Amino acid sequence: MRSLEDILDRLLAQADGGVAAALGGMDGLLVEQRPAAGPDLTTVVAELTGALADLRRAVTDALEGGPVTALDVRSEHVRALVRHVTSEHYLVLTLHPAADVALAERALGEATAAVRELLE
């Protein structure tokens, strides 16, 4: 079985334009980040946790849309793909704006399944 660090490293290697990857907890804490010397995702994870909780309430409760499983955040200089792993964890992959998103999505899907298996 691969380690969390190995899974995140592989995600970055497979995702064209990947900058950093992290496993965040719904408690707002950063569980692991790769590369370790990359941009600090501690604040990003804390803020995303709040946003995910708000979206979960809005989509699940108000819209009766079921659980939120993915989030795609775009800005001028970075893109962040967020995927639900378990009820308590999610993955974040940050990308350069010109990254191949289809390739990153595929790599993120594989990493999500691998982390889910690791945590179960």
Protein backbone atom coordinates (compact mmCIF):
# COMPACT_ATOMS: atom_id res chain seq x y z
CA MET A 1 0.00 0.00 0.00
CA ARG A 2 1.30 3.43 -0.91
CA SER A 3 1.76 6.22 1.61
CA LEU A 4 -0.17 9.48 1.52
CA GLU A 5 3.01 11.30 0.53
CA ASP A 6 3.53 8.90 -2.39
CA ILE A 7 -0.05 9.39 -3.58
CA LEU A 8 0.25 13.19 -3.50
CA ASP A 9 3.66 13.10 -5.21
CA ARG A 10 2.23 10.89 -7.96
CA LEU A 11 -0.74 13.22 -8.35
CA LEU A 12 1.58 16.17 -8.91
CA ALA A 13 3.73 14.17 -11.34
CA GLN A 14 0.68 13.14 -13.40
CA ALA A 15 -1.17 16.45 -13.33
CA ASP A 16 0.14 18.72 -16.06
CA GLY A 17 0.69 22.14 -14.48
CA GLY A 18 0.31 20.94 -10.89
CA VAL A 19 1.72 23.32 -8.29
CA ALA A 20 0.80 21.69 -4.97
CA ALA A 21 -1.50 19.01 -3.60
CA ALA A 22 -2.91 18.53 -0.12
CA LEU A 23 -5.23 16.44 1.98
CA GLY A 24 -7.42 18.62 4.14
CA GLY A 25 -9.71 17.73 7.01
CA MET A 26 -13.22 19.04 7.53
CA ASP A 27 -11.91 20.28 10.88
CA GLY A 28 -9.95 22.88 8.86
CA LEU A 29 -6.55 21.31 9.43
CA LEU A 30 -3.98 20.45 6.79
CA VAL A 31 -3.20 16.72 7.02
CA GLU A 32 -0.42 16.54 4.40
CA GLN A 33 0.94 18.70 1.61
CA ARG A 34 3.27 18.05 -1.31
CA PRO A 35 5.68 19.35 -2.19
CA ALA A 36 6.54 20.06 1.42
CA ALA A 37 8.59 23.08 0.33
CA GLY A 38 5.81 24.34 -1.99
CA PRO A 39 3.31 27.10 -1.31
CA ASP A 40 1.84 26.75 2.19
CA LEU A 41 -1.71 25.44 1.82
CA THR A 42 -2.57 25.69 5.53
CA THR A 43 -4.71 28.82 5.08
CA VAL A 44 -6.18 27.52 1.82
CA VAL A 45 -7.35 24.34 3.55
CA ALA A 46 -8.81 26.28 6.48
CA GLU A 47 -10.76 28.61 4.15
CA LEU A 48 -11.86 25.83 1.81
CA THR A 49 -13.24 23.89 4.76
CA GLY A 50 -15.54 26.79 5.61
CA ALA A 51 -16.58 27.19 1.98
CA LEU A 52 -17.24 23.47 1.61
CA ALA A 53 -19.34 23.42 4.77
CA ASP A 54 -21.39 26.39 3.49
CA LEU A 55 -21.81 24.78 0.05
CA ARG A 56 -22.78 21.49 1.64
CA ARG A 57 -25.56 23.23 3.58
CA ALA A 58 -26.76 25.21 0.57
CA VAL A 59 -26.68 22.43 -1.99
CA THR A 60 -27.70 19.53 0.22
CA ASP A 61 -30.28 21.27 2.41
CA ALA A 62 -31.66 24.20 0.44
CA LEU A 63 -31.48 22.67 -3.04
CA GLU A 64 -31.83 19.03 -1.98
CA GLY A 65 -28.99 18.30 -4.42
CA GLY A 66 -27.16 15.65 -2.47
CA PRO A 67 -23.62 15.86 -1.15
CA VAL A 68 -21.05 18.17 -2.73
CA THR A 69 -18.37 15.98 -4.29
CA ALA A 70 -16.25 18.47 -6.23
CA LEU A 71 -15.34 22.13 -6.43
CA ASP A 72 -13.40 23.99 -9.14
CA VAL A 73 -12.01 27.39 -8.15
CA ARG A 74 -10.53 29.60 -10.85
CA SER A 75 -8.64 32.85 -10.46
CA GLU A 76 -6.38 34.89 -12.68
CA HIS A 77 -3.18 33.15 -11.55
CA VAL A 78 -4.20 29.78 -10.12
CA ARG A 79 -6.83 27.09 -10.32
CA ALA A 80 -7.78 24.74 -7.50
CA LEU A 81 -9.60 21.45 -7.93
CA VAL A 82 -11.16 20.04 -4.77
CA ARG A 83 -12.49 16.49 -4.44
CA HIS A 84 -14.40 14.87 -1.60
CA VAL A 85 -12.54 11.80 -0.28
CA THR A 86 -14.46 10.85 2.88
CA SER A 87 -16.97 12.65 5.08
CA GLU A 88 -13.98 14.05 6.97
CA HIS A 89 -11.37 14.62 4.23
CA TYR A 90 -10.87 16.20 0.82
CA LEU A 91 -8.05 16.61 -1.70
CA VAL A 92 -6.92 19.93 -3.13
CA LEU A 93 -4.85 20.19 -6.30
CA THR A 94 -3.58 23.63 -7.27
CA LEU A 95 -2.69 24.24 -10.90
CA HIS A 96 -1.20 26.88 -13.15
CA PRO A 97 -4.04 28.59 -15.07
CA ALA A 98 -2.93 27.09 -18.41
CA ALA A 99 -2.76 23.53 -17.06
CA ASP A 100 -4.38 20.62 -18.89
CA VAL A 101 -7.47 20.31 -16.67
CA ALA A 102 -8.68 17.05 -18.21
CA LEU A 103 -5.37 15.39 -17.38
CA ALA A 104 -5.41 16.89 -13.88
CA GLU A 105 -9.00 15.70 -13.33
CA ARG A 106 -8.05 12.14 -14.28
CA ALA A 107 -5.01 12.16 -11.98
CA LEU A 108 -7.10 13.66 -9.17
CA GLY A 109 -9.73 10.94 -9.59
CA GLU A 110 -7.07 8.26 -9.25
CA ALA A 111 -5.55 9.98 -6.22
CA THR A 112 -8.96 10.36 -4.60
CA ALA A 113 -9.62 6.62 -4.91
CA ALA A 114 -6.14 5.79 -3.56
CA VAL A 115 -6.48 8.10 -0.55
CA ARG A 116 -9.98 6.77 0.18
CA GLU A 117 -8.59 3.23 0.20
CA LEU A 118 -5.70 4.31 2.43
CA LEU A 119 -8.03 5.96 4.98
CA GLU A 120 -10.57 3.12 5.14
